Amino acid sequence: MAKKIGVLVELDYCVGCSACQLACQDYYQLPVTETYMRCFLGKPDVVDGRHEMFMSPYAYRLDKCANCLEKEEGNAPCAAICISKALHVGELEEMKQLADQTDGHLALYR
């Protein structure tokens, strides 16, 4: 049975730079118009009198993440390049445990 993969994003730290998306494209040698991960940027909202933007990378082809993790011995290029260390990729149970130990706004994709 294939391992279940999880992608955990610490939303308070993601800056929306799209480096993860580019690392994924580069790893799989995809054309610029294709990727297995996208960086979602929401419309700014006013929170406590300040404008805040919702940003989150999301992987929609986790089968590709599983392939990548296996080949790279657990070091996903998208997570390795993340400048704010907001992106974590690994086995789903490990990502759930990490989410339980992490404060703040999180997104867990599985």
PDB file of N, CA and C in Angstrom:
ATOM      1  N   MET A   1       0.838  -1.185   0.000  1.00  0.00           N
ATOM      2  CA  MET A   1       0.000   0.000   0.000  1.00  0.00           C
ATOM      3  C   MET A   1       0.886   1.253   0.000  1.00  0.00           C
ATOM      4  N   ALA A   2       0.533   2.201  -0.817  1.00  0.00           N
ATOM      5  CA  ALA A   2       1.308   3.443  -0.931  1.00  0.00           C
ATOM      6  C   ALA A   2       1.180   4.275   0.344  1.00  0.00           C
ATOM      7  N   LYS A   3       2.257   4.958   0.671  1.00  0.00           N
ATOM      8  CA  LYS A   3       2.235   5.839   1.835  1.00  0.00           C
ATOM      9  C   LYS A   3       1.323   7.020   1.555  1.00  0.00           C
ATOM     10  N   LYS A   4       0.592   7.437   2.592  1.00  0.00           N
ATOM     11  CA  LYS A   4      -0.230   8.639   2.458  1.00  0.00           C
ATOM     12  C   LYS A   4       0.645   9.841   2.779  1.00  0.00           C
ATOM     13  N   ILE A   5       0.579  10.823   1.903  1.00  0.00           N
ATOM     14  CA  ILE A   5       1.430  11.998   2.015  1.00  0.00           C
ATOM     15  C   ILE A   5       0.612  13.188   2.507  1.00  0.00           C
ATOM     16  N   GLY A   6       1.238  14.022   3.302  1.00  0.00           N
ATOM     17  CA  GLY A   6       0.609  15.256   3.759  1.00  0.00           C
ATOM     18  C   GLY A   6       1.504  16.447   3.468  1.00  0.00           C
ATOM     19  N   VAL A   7       0.882  17.569   3.172  1.00  0.00           N
ATOM     20  CA  VAL A   7       1.598  18.825   2.972  1.00  0.00           C
ATOM     21  C   VAL A   7       1.048  19.798   4.010  1.00  0.00           C
ATOM     22  N   LEU A   8       1.906  20.254   4.908  1.00  0.00           N
ATOM     23  CA  LEU A   8       1.505  21.155   5.985  1.00  0.00           C
ATOM     24  C   LEU A   8       2.082  22.540   5.715  1.00  0.00           C
ATOM     25  N   VAL A   9       1.216  23.539   5.781  1.00  0.00           N
ATOM     26  CA  VAL A   9       1.643  24.921   5.554  1.00  0.00           C
ATOM     27  C   VAL A   9       1.335  25.741   6.803  1.00  0.00           C
ATOM     28  N   GLU A  10       2.356  26.421   7.320  1.00  0.00           N
ATOM     29  CA  GLU A  10       2.153  27.349   8.430  1.00  0.00           C
ATOM     30  C   GLU A  10       1.790  28.697   7.806  1.00  0.00           C
ATOM     31  N   LEU A  11       0.503  28.995   7.793  1.00  0.00           N
ATOM     32  CA  LEU A  11      -0.012  30.159   7.071  1.00  0.00           C
ATOM     33  C   LEU A  11       0.483  31.489   7.632  1.00  0.00           C
ATOM     34  N   ASP A  12       0.838  31.513   8.903  1.00  0.00           N
ATOM     35  CA  ASP A  12       1.339  32.757   9.497  1.00  0.00           C
ATOM     36  C   ASP A  12       2.732  33.121   8.982  1.00  0.00           C
ATOM     37  N   TYR A  13       3.423  32.162   8.389  1.00  0.00           N
ATOM     38  CA  TYR A  13       4.794  32.399   7.941  1.00  0.00           C
ATOM     39  C   TYR A  13       4.965  32.398   6.427  1.00  0.00           C
ATOM     40  N   CYS A  14       4.019  31.818   5.691  1.00  0.00           N
ATOM     41  CA  CYS A  14       4.125  31.790   4.230  1.00  0.00           C
ATOM     42  C   CYS A  14       4.052  33.218   3.698  1.00  0.00           C
ATOM     43  N   VAL A  15       5.024  33.582   2.842  1.00  0.00           N
ATOM     44  CA  VAL A  15       5.055  34.933   2.287  1.00  0.00           C
ATOM     45  C   VAL A  15       4.540  34.977   0.847  1.00  0.00           C
ATOM     46  N   GLY A  16       4.127  33.833   0.319  1.00  0.00           N
ATOM     47  CA  GLY A  16       3.562  33.797  -1.027  1.00  0.00           C
ATOM     48  C   GLY A  16       4.573  34.025  -2.137  1.00  0.00           C
ATOM     49  N   CYS A  17       5.818  33.643  -1.926  1.00  0.00           N
ATOM     50  CA  CYS A  17       6.876  33.920  -2.908  1.00  0.00           C
ATOM     51  C   CYS A  17       6.847  32.984  -4.115  1.00  0.00           C
ATOM     52  N   SER A  18       6.150  31.873  -4.014  1.00  0.00           N
ATOM     53  CA  SER A  18       6.019  30.866  -5.080  1.00  0.00           C
ATOM     54  C   SER A  18       7.304  30.095  -5.360  1.00  0.00           C
ATOM     55  N   ALA A  19       8.295  30.176  -4.484  1.00  0.00           N
ATOM     56  CA  ALA A  19       9.526  29.400  -4.680  1.00  0.00           C
ATOM     57  C   ALA A  19       9.226  27.903  -4.674  1.00  0.00           C
ATOM     58  N   CYS A  20       8.260  27.475  -3.864  1.00  0.00           N
ATOM     59  CA  CYS A  20       7.889  26.059  -3.813  1.00  0.00           C
ATOM     60  C   CYS A  20       7.347  25.597  -5.163  1.00  0.00           C
ATOM     61  N   GLN A  21       6.531  26.440  -5.763  1.00  0.00           N
ATOM     62  CA  GLN A  21       5.954  26.134  -7.071  1.00  0.00           C
ATOM     63  C   GLN A  21       7.064  25.993  -8.117  1.00  0.00           C
ATOM     64  N   LEU A  22       8.012  26.913  -8.095  1.00  0.00           N
ATOM     65  CA  LEU A  22       9.123  26.870  -9.048  1.00  0.00           C
ATOM     66  C   LEU A  22      10.027  25.663  -8.808  1.00  0.00           C
ATOM     67  N   ALA A  23      10.244  25.303  -7.545  1.00  0.00           N
ATOM     68  CA  ALA A  23      11.072  24.135  -7.230  1.00  0.00           C
ATOM     69  C   ALA A  23      10.417  22.860  -7.753  1.00  0.00           C
ATOM     70  N   CYS A  24       9.103  22.783  -7.638  1.00  0.00           N
ATOM     71  CA  CYS A  24       8.356  21.629  -8.146  1.00  0.00           C
ATOM     72  C   CYS A  24       8.465  21.562  -9.670  1.00  0.00           C
ATOM     73  N   GLN A  25       8.257  22.694 -10.324  1.00  0.00           N
ATOM     74  CA  GLN A  25       8.378  22.746 -11.786  1.00  0.00           C
ATOM     75  C   GLN A  25       9.774  22.319 -12.227  1.00  0.00           C
ATOM     76  N   ASP A  26      10.780  22.830 -11.545  1.00  0.00           N
ATOM     77  CA  ASP A  26      12.158  22.523 -11.904  1.00  0.00           C
ATOM     78  C   ASP A  26      12.460  21.040 -11.696  1.00  0.00           C
ATOM     79  N   TYR A  27      12.015  20.495 -10.565  1.00  0.00           N
ATOM     80  CA  TYR A  27      12.289  19.095 -10.245  1.00  0.00           C
ATOM     81  C   TYR A  27      11.709  18.165 -11.308  1.00  0.00           C
ATOM     82  N   TYR A  28      10.483  18.454 -11.721  1.00  0.00           N
ATOM     83  CA  TYR A  28       9.816  17.603 -12.712  1.00  0.00           C
ATOM     84  C   TYR A  28      10.028  18.089 -14.145  1.00  0.00           C
ATOM     85  N   GLN A  29      10.828  19.133 -14.327  1.00  0.00           N
ATOM     86  CA  GLN A  29      11.127  19.703 -15.644  1.00  0.00           C
ATOM     87  C   GLN A  29       9.842  19.987 -16.432  1.00  0.00           C
ATOM     88  N   LEU A  30       8.926  20.687 -15.761  1.00  0.00           N
ATOM     89  CA  LEU A  30       7.640  21.028 -16.371  1.00  0.00           C
ATOM     90  C   LEU A  30       7.739  22.368 -17.085  1.00  0.00           C
ATOM     91  N   PRO A  31       6.916  22.554 -18.117  1.00  0.00           N
ATOM     92  CA  PRO A  31       6.869  23.877 -18.748  1.00  0.00           C
ATOM     93  C   PRO A  31       6.296  24.912 -17.775  1.00  0.00           C
ATOM     94  N   VAL A  32       6.525  26.172 -18.058  1.00  0.00           N
ATOM     95  CA  VAL A  32       6.100  27.247 -17.150  1.00  0.00           C
ATOM     96  C   VAL A  32       4.601  27.234 -16.876  1.00  0.00           C
ATOM     97  N   THR A  33       3.830  26.712 -17.776  1.00  0.00           N
ATOM     98  CA  THR A  33       2.372  26.719 -17.622  1.00  0.00           C
ATOM     99  C   THR A  33       1.863  25.559 -16.781  1.00  0.00           C
ATOM    100  N   GLU A  34       2.736  24.640 -16.378  1.00  0.00           N
ATOM    101  CA  GLU A  34       2.306  23.471 -15.608  1.00  0.00           C
ATOM    102  C   GLU A  34       3.061  23.384 -14.287  1.00  0.00           C
ATOM    103  N   THR A  35       2.388  22.854 -13.286  1.00  0.00           N
ATOM    104  CA  THR A  35       3.024  22.580 -11.994  1.00  0.00           C
ATOM    105  C   THR A  35       2.114  21.653 -11.209  1.00  0.00           C
ATOM    106  N   TYR A  36       2.660  20.998 -10.214  1.00  0.00           N
ATOM    107  CA  TYR A  36       1.855  20.148  -9.334  1.00  0.00           C
ATOM    108  C   TYR A  36       1.554  20.878  -8.030  1.00  0.00           C
ATOM    109  N   MET A  37       2.041  22.097  -7.901  1.00  0.00           N
ATOM    110  CA  MET A  37       1.806  22.902  -6.702  1.00  0.00           C
ATOM    111  C   MET A  37       1.562  24.344  -7.134  1.00  0.00           C
ATOM    112  N   ARG A  38       0.628  24.988  -6.488  1.00  0.00           N
ATOM    113  CA  ARG A  38       0.344  26.394  -6.791  1.00  0.00           C
ATOM    114  C   ARG A  38       0.351  27.190  -5.492  1.00  0.00           C
ATOM    115  N   CYS A  39       0.637  28.453  -5.612  1.00  0.00           N
ATOM    116  CA  CYS A  39       0.574  29.350  -4.467  1.00  0.00           C
ATOM    117  C   CYS A  39      -0.702  30.173  -4.609  1.00  0.00           C
ATOM    118  N   PHE A  40      -1.623  29.977  -3.691  1.00  0.00           N
ATOM    119  CA  PHE A  40      -2.908  30.669  -3.724  1.00  0.00           C
ATOM    120  C   PHE A  40      -2.793  31.975  -2.956  1.00  0.00           C
ATOM    121  N   LEU A  41      -3.162  33.058  -3.602  1.00  0.00           N
ATOM    122  CA  LEU A  41      -3.182  34.364  -2.945  1.00  0.00           C
ATOM    123  C   LEU A  41      -4.622  34.854  -2.920  1.00  0.00           C
ATOM    124  N   GLY A  42      -5.173  35.016  -1.734  1.00  0.00           N
ATOM    125  CA  GLY A  42      -6.546  35.489  -1.611  1.00  0.00           C
ATOM    126  C   GLY A  42      -6.614  37.003  -1.611  1.00  0.00           C
ATOM    127  N   LYS A  43      -7.826  37.512  -1.686  1.00  0.00           N
ATOM    128  CA  LYS A  43      -8.016  38.967  -1.628  1.00  0.00           C
ATOM    129  C   LYS A  43      -7.677  39.461  -0.227  1.00  0.00           C
ATOM    130  N   PRO A  44      -7.117  40.656  -0.122  1.00  0.00           N
ATOM    131  CA  PRO A  44      -6.800  41.177   1.212  1.00  0.00           C
ATOM    132  C   PRO A  44      -8.074  41.473   2.008  1.00  0.00           C
ATOM    133  N   ASP A  45      -8.044  41.145   3.273  1.00  0.00           N
ATOM    134  CA  ASP A  45      -9.134  41.452   4.193  1.00  0.00           C
ATOM    135  C   ASP A  45      -8.609  42.423   5.238  1.00  0.00           C
ATOM    136  N   VAL A  46      -9.511  43.181   5.830  1.00  0.00           N
ATOM    137  CA  VAL A  46      -9.120  44.063   6.928  1.00  0.00           C
ATOM    138  C   VAL A  46      -9.342  43.297   8.230  1.00  0.00           C
ATOM    139  N   VAL A  47      -8.261  43.089   8.975  1.00  0.00           N
ATOM    140  CA  VAL A  47      -8.313  42.386  10.248  1.00  0.00           C
ATOM    141  C   VAL A  47      -7.661  43.288  11.282  1.00  0.00           C
ATOM    142  N   ASP A  48      -8.403  43.623  12.321  1.00  0.00           N
ATOM    143  CA  ASP A  48      -7.899  44.524  13.367  1.00  0.00           C
ATOM    144  C   ASP A  48      -7.345  45.825  12.785  1.00  0.00           C
ATOM    145  N   GLY A  49      -8.027  46.363  11.776  1.00  0.00           N
ATOM    146  CA  GLY A  49      -7.627  47.630  11.190  1.00  0.00           C
ATOM    147  C   GLY A  49      -6.452  47.548  10.227  1.00  0.00           C
ATOM    148  N   ARG A  50      -5.968  46.335   9.951  1.00  0.00           N
ATOM    149  CA  ARG A  50      -4.838  46.164   9.025  1.00  0.00           C
ATOM    150  C   ARG A  50      -5.275  45.280   7.858  1.00  0.00           C
ATOM    151  N   HIS A  51      -4.666  45.495   6.731  1.00  0.00           N
ATOM    152  CA  HIS A  51      -4.922  44.616   5.589  1.00  0.00           C
ATOM    153  C   HIS A  51      -4.090  43.352   5.745  1.00  0.00           C
ATOM    154  N   GLU A  52      -4.746  42.206   5.623  1.00  0.00           N
ATOM    155  CA  GLU A  52      -4.038  40.935   5.679  1.00  0.00           C
ATOM    156  C   GLU A  52      -4.393  40.134   4.443  1.00  0.00           C
ATOM    157  N   MET A  53      -3.421  39.416   3.938  1.00  0.00           N
ATOM    158  CA  MET A  53      -3.591  38.629   2.729  1.00  0.00           C
ATOM    159  C   MET A  53      -3.512  37.154   3.089  1.00  0.00           C
ATOM    160  N   PHE A  54      -4.422  36.364   2.559  1.00  0.00           N
ATOM    161  CA  PHE A  54      -4.352  34.924   2.769  1.00  0.00           C
ATOM    162  C   PHE A  54      -3.471  34.333   1.679  1.00  0.00           C
ATOM    163  N   MET A  55      -2.408  33.661   2.075  1.00  0.00           N
ATOM    164  CA  MET A  55      -1.498  33.038   1.120  1.00  0.00           C
ATOM    165  C   MET A  55      -1.273  31.601   1.541  1.00  0.00           C
ATOM    166  N   SER A  56      -1.296  30.708   0.591  1.00  0.00           N
ATOM    167  CA  SER A  56      -1.029  29.319   0.912  1.00  0.00           C
ATOM    168  C   SER A  56      -0.642  28.539  -0.324  1.00  0.00           C
ATOM    169  N   PRO A  57       0.504  27.875  -0.279  1.00  0.00           N
ATOM    170  CA  PRO A  57       0.780  26.934  -1.352  1.00  0.00           C
ATOM    171  C   PRO A  57      -0.108  25.714  -1.158  1.00  0.00           C
ATOM    172  N   TYR A  58      -0.559  25.123  -2.218  1.00  0.00           N
ATOM    173  CA  TYR A  58      -1.294  23.875  -2.092  1.00  0.00           C
ATOM    174  C   TYR A  58      -0.868  22.925  -3.193  1.00  0.00           C
ATOM    175  N   ALA A  59      -0.728  21.671  -2.809  1.00  0.00           N
ATOM    176  CA  ALA A  59      -0.341  20.631  -3.755  1.00  0.00           C
ATOM    177  C   ALA A  59      -1.603  19.866  -4.123  1.00  0.00           C
ATOM    178  N   TYR A  60      -1.859  19.753  -5.394  1.00  0.00           N
ATOM    179  CA  TYR A  60      -3.060  19.035  -5.802  1.00  0.00           C
ATOM    180  C   TYR A  60      -2.731  17.726  -6.499  1.00  0.00           C
ATOM    181  N   ARG A  61      -1.481  17.340  -6.544  1.00  0.00           N
ATOM    182  CA  ARG A  61      -1.073  16.039  -7.074  1.00  0.00           C
ATOM    183  C   ARG A  61      -0.157  15.395  -6.034  1.00  0.00           C
ATOM    184  N   LEU A  62      -0.729  14.945  -4.922  1.00  0.00           N
ATOM    185  CA  LEU A  62       0.085  14.394  -3.845  1.00  0.00           C
ATOM    186  C   LEU A  62       0.782  13.100  -4.248  1.00  0.00           C
ATOM    187  N   ASP A  63       0.299  12.450  -5.312  1.00  0.00           N
ATOM    188  CA  ASP A  63       1.016  11.273  -5.801  1.00  0.00           C
ATOM    189  C   ASP A  63       2.405  11.682  -6.293  1.00  0.00           C
ATOM    190  N   LYS A  64       2.506  12.873  -6.857  1.00  0.00           N
ATOM    191  CA  LYS A  64       3.807  13.380  -7.296  1.00  0.00           C
ATOM    192  C   LYS A  64       4.678  13.705  -6.086  1.00  0.00           C
ATOM    193  N   CYS A  65       4.069  14.210  -5.012  1.00  0.00           N
ATOM    194  CA  CYS A  65       4.820  14.495  -3.787  1.00  0.00           C
ATOM    195  C   CYS A  65       5.407  13.199  -3.218  1.00  0.00           C
ATOM    196  N   ALA A  66       4.635  12.111  -3.269  1.00  0.00           N
ATOM    197  CA  ALA A  66       5.112  10.823  -2.769  1.00  0.00           C
ATOM    198  C   ALA A  66       6.313  10.353  -3.582  1.00  0.00           C
ATOM    199  N   ASN A  67       6.235  10.508  -4.878  1.00  0.00           N
ATOM    200  CA  ASN A  67       7.323  10.127  -5.775  1.00  0.00           C
ATOM    201  C   ASN A  67       8.575  10.951  -5.469  1.00  0.00           C
ATOM    202  N   CYS A  68       8.386  12.229  -5.313  1.00  0.00           N
ATOM    203  CA  CYS A  68       9.479  13.162  -5.030  1.00  0.00           C
ATOM    204  C   CYS A  68      10.144  12.821  -3.687  1.00  0.00           C
ATOM    205  N   LEU A  69       9.337  12.593  -2.661  1.00  0.00           N
ATOM    206  CA  LEU A  69       9.875  12.282  -1.332  1.00  0.00           C
ATOM    207  C   LEU A  69      10.699  11.002  -1.350  1.00  0.00           C
ATOM    208  N   GLU A  70      10.210  10.016  -2.079  1.00  0.00           N
ATOM    209  CA  GLU A  70      10.918   8.738  -2.149  1.00  0.00           C
ATOM    210  C   GLU A  70      12.278   8.911  -2.824  1.00  0.00           C
ATOM    211  N   LYS A  71      12.293   9.608  -3.943  1.00  0.00           N
ATOM    212  CA  LYS A  71      13.546   9.801  -4.687  1.00  0.00           C
ATOM    213  C   LYS A  71      14.538  10.671  -3.917  1.00  0.00           C
ATOM    214  N   GLU A  72      14.029  11.651  -3.201  1.00  0.00           N
ATOM    215  CA  GLU A  72      14.900  12.601  -2.494  1.00  0.00           C
ATOM    216  C   GLU A  72      15.097  12.242  -1.024  1.00  0.00           C
ATOM    217  N   GLU A  73      14.745  11.018  -0.650  1.00  0.00           N
ATOM    218  CA  GLU A  73      14.931  10.509   0.712  1.00  0.00           C
ATOM    219  C   GLU A  73      14.330  11.427   1.770  1.00  0.00           C
ATOM    220  N   GLY A  74      13.106  11.889   1.529  1.00  0.00           N
ATOM    221  CA  GLY A  74      12.382  12.690   2.506  1.00  0.00           C
ATOM    222  C   GLY A  74      12.619  14.178   2.446  1.00  0.00           C
ATOM    223  N   ASN A  75      13.473  14.630   1.533  1.00  0.00           N
ATOM    224  CA  ASN A  75      13.771  16.063   1.416  1.00  0.00           C
ATOM    225  C   ASN A  75      13.102  16.637   0.178  1.00  0.00           C
ATOM    226  N   ALA A  76      11.852  17.014   0.302  1.00  0.00           N
ATOM    227  CA  ALA A  76      11.121  17.569  -0.838  1.00  0.00           C
ATOM    228  C   ALA A  76      11.735  18.906  -1.246  1.00  0.00           C
ATOM    229  N   PRO A  77      12.053  19.086  -2.529  1.00  0.00           N
ATOM    230  CA  PRO A  77      12.646  20.347  -2.984  1.00  0.00           C
ATOM    231  C   PRO A  77      11.789  21.573  -2.655  1.00  0.00           C
ATOM    232  N   CYS A  78      10.467  21.422  -2.697  1.00  0.00           N
ATOM    233  CA  CYS A  78       9.590  22.565  -2.409  1.00  0.00           C
ATOM    234  C   CYS A  78       9.747  23.028  -0.963  1.00  0.00           C
ATOM    235  N   ALA A  79       9.842  22.079  -0.028  1.00  0.00           N
ATOM    236  CA  ALA A  79      10.005  22.435   1.385  1.00  0.00           C
ATOM    237  C   ALA A  79      11.428  22.916   1.665  1.00  0.00           C
ATOM    238  N   ALA A  80      12.398  22.319   0.985  1.00  0.00           N
ATOM    239  CA  ALA A  80      13.798  22.694   1.206  1.00  0.00           C
ATOM    240  C   ALA A  80      14.076  24.133   0.781  1.00  0.00           C
ATOM    241  N   ILE A  81      13.379  24.611  -0.243  1.00  0.00           N
ATOM    242  CA  ILE A  81      13.641  25.957  -0.761  1.00  0.00           C
ATOM    243  C   ILE A  81      12.821  27.039  -0.049  1.00  0.00           C
ATOM    244  N   CYS A  82      11.853  26.639   0.759  1.00  0.00           N
ATOM    245  CA  CYS A  82      10.959  27.598   1.420  1.00  0.00           C
ATOM    246  C   CYS A  82      11.763  28.537   2.332  1.00  0.00           C
ATOM    247  N   ILE A  83      11.780  29.827   1.989  1.00  0.00           N
ATOM    248  CA  ILE A  83      12.612  30.789   2.723  1.00  0.00           C
ATOM    249  C   ILE A  83      12.136  31.028   4.154  1.00  0.00           C
ATOM    250  N   SER A  84      10.846  30.821   4.398  1.00  0.00           N
ATOM    251  CA  SER A  84      10.327  31.051   5.749  1.00  0.00           C
ATOM    252  C   SER A  84      10.117  29.746   6.513  1.00  0.00           C
ATOM    253  N   LYS A  85      10.504  28.628   5.895  1.00  0.00           N
ATOM    254  CA  LYS A  85      10.346  27.293   6.505  1.00  0.00           C
ATOM    255  C   LYS A  85       8.895  27.033   6.903  1.00  0.00           C
ATOM    256  N   ALA A  86       7.958  27.545   6.100  1.00  0.00           N
ATOM    257  CA  ALA A  86       6.531  27.397   6.381  1.00  0.00           C
ATOM    258  C   ALA A  86       5.942  26.137   5.768  1.00  0.00           C
ATOM    259  N   LEU A  87       6.675  25.483   4.884  1.00  0.00           N
ATOM    260  CA  LEU A  87       6.157  24.338   4.136  1.00  0.00           C
ATOM    261  C   LEU A  87       6.839  23.057   4.598  1.00  0.00           C
ATOM    262  N   HIS A  88       6.022  22.051   4.902  1.00  0.00           N
ATOM    263  CA  HIS A  88       6.524  20.755   5.349  1.00  0.00           C
ATOM    264  C   HIS A  88       5.831  19.677   4.527  1.00  0.00           C
ATOM    265  N   VAL A  89       6.586  18.704   4.055  1.00  0.00           N
ATOM    266  CA  VAL A  89       6.033  17.611   3.261  1.00  0.00           C
ATOM    267  C   VAL A  89       6.548  16.307   3.842  1.00  0.00           C
ATOM    268  N   GLY A  90       5.645  15.350   4.043  1.00  0.00           N
ATOM    269  CA  GLY A  90       6.061  14.060   4.591  1.00  0.00           C
ATOM    270  C   GLY A  90       4.890  13.118   4.697  1.00  0.00           C
ATOM    271  N   GLU A  91       5.111  12.036   5.419  1.00  0.00           N
ATOM    272  CA  GLU A  91       4.033  11.079   5.622  1.00  0.00           C
ATOM    273  C   GLU A  91       2.915  11.758   6.409  1.00  0.00           C
ATOM    274  N   LEU A  92       1.690  11.419   6.060  1.00  0.00           N
ATOM    275  CA  LEU A  92       0.520  12.095   6.625  1.00  0.00           C
ATOM    276  C   LEU A  92       0.511  12.074   8.149  1.00  0.00           C
ATOM    277  N   GLU A  93       0.800  10.943   8.750  1.00  0.00           N
ATOM    278  CA  GLU A  93       0.769  10.858  10.218  1.00  0.00           C
ATOM    279  C   GLU A  93       1.808  11.788  10.849  1.00  0.00           C
ATOM    280  N   GLU A  94       2.979  11.883  10.234  1.00  0.00           N
ATOM    281  CA  GLU A  94       4.010  12.801  10.741  1.00  0.00           C
ATOM    282  C   GLU A  94       3.551  14.250  10.631  1.00  0.00           C
ATOM    283  N   MET A  95       2.877  14.583   9.535  1.00  0.00           N
ATOM    284  CA  MET A  95       2.394  15.948   9.340  1.00  0.00           C
ATOM    285  C   MET A  95       1.273  16.273  10.331  1.00  0.00           C
ATOM    286  N   LYS A  96       0.436  15.282  10.645  1.00  0.00           N
ATOM    287  CA  LYS A  96      -0.616  15.489  11.652  1.00  0.00           C
ATOM    288  C   LYS A  96       0.005  15.756  13.019  1.00  0.00           C
ATOM    289  N   GLN A  97       1.044  14.993  13.366  1.00  0.00           N
ATOM    290  CA  GLN A  97       1.727  15.198  14.648  1.00  0.00           C
ATOM    291  C   GLN A  97       2.380  16.574  14.704  1.00  0.00           C
ATOM    292  N   LEU A  98       3.011  16.970  13.611  1.00  0.00           N
ATOM    293  CA  LEU A  98       3.636  18.296  13.555  1.00  0.00           C
ATOM    294  C   LEU A  98       2.583  19.391  13.706  1.00  0.00           C
ATOM    295  N   ALA A  99       1.433  19.198  13.078  1.00  0.00           N
ATOM    296  CA  ALA A  99       0.342  20.176  13.183  1.00  0.00           C
ATOM    297  C   ALA A  99      -0.139  20.297  14.627  1.00  0.00           C
ATOM    298  N   ASP A 100      -0.205  19.170  15.336  1.00  0.00           N
ATOM    299  CA  ASP A 100      -0.636  19.190  16.736  1.00  0.00           C
ATOM    300  C   ASP A 100       0.351  19.945  17.629  1.00  0.00           C
ATOM    301  N   GLN A 101       1.626  19.963  17.239  1.00  0.00           N
ATOM    302  CA  GLN A 101       2.665  20.609  18.043  1.00  0.00           C
ATOM    303  C   GLN A 101       2.907  22.061  17.638  1.00  0.00           C
ATOM    304  N   THR A 102       2.223  22.521  16.602  1.00  0.00           N
ATOM    305  CA  THR A 102       2.485  23.851  16.047  1.00  0.00           C
ATOM    306  C   THR A 102       1.338  24.797  16.354  1.00  0.00           C
ATOM    307  N   ASP A 103       1.665  25.980  16.850  1.00  0.00           N
ATOM    308  CA  ASP A 103       0.653  27.006  17.100  1.00  0.00           C
ATOM    309  C   ASP A 103       0.447  27.824  15.835  1.00  0.00           C
ATOM    310  N   GLY A 104      -0.682  28.470  15.739  1.00  0.00           N
ATOM    311  CA  GLY A 104      -0.921  29.366  14.610  1.00  0.00           C
ATOM    312  C   GLY A 104      -1.896  28.786  13.604  1.00  0.00           C
ATOM    313  N   HIS A 105      -2.004  29.464  12.486  1.00  0.00           N
ATOM    314  CA  HIS A 105      -2.922  29.066  11.424  1.00  0.00           C
ATOM    315  C   HIS A 105      -2.222  28.082  10.502  1.00  0.00           C
ATOM    316  N   LEU A 106      -2.848  26.929  10.307  1.00  0.00           N
ATOM    317  CA  LEU A 106      -2.242  25.858   9.527  1.00  0.00           C
ATOM    318  C   LEU A 106      -3.184  25.383   8.436  1.00  0.00           C
ATOM    319  N   ALA A 107      -2.615  24.827   7.388  1.00  0.00           N
ATOM    320  CA  ALA A 107      -3.386  24.126   6.362  1.00  0.00           C
ATOM    321  C   ALA A 107      -2.694  22.790   6.146  1.00  0.00           C
ATOM    322  N   LEU A 108      -3.461  21.701   6.223  1.00  0.00           N
ATOM    323  CA  LEU A 108      -2.914  20.364   6.000  1.00  0.00           C
ATOM    324  C   LEU A 108      -3.623  19.762   4.803  1.00  0.00           C
ATOM    325  N   TYR A 109      -2.870  19.492   3.764  1.00  0.00           N
ATOM    326  CA  TYR A 109      -3.419  18.887   2.551  1.00  0.00           C
ATOM    327  C   TYR A 109      -3.038  17.420   2.544  1.00  0.00           C
ATOM    328  N   ARG A 110      -4.024  16.586   2.216  1.00  0.00           N
ATOM    329  CA  ARG A 110      -3.750  15.149   2.186  1.00  0.00           C
ATOM    330  C   ARG A 110      -4.455  14.485   1.038  1.00  0.00           C
TER     331      ARG A 110
END
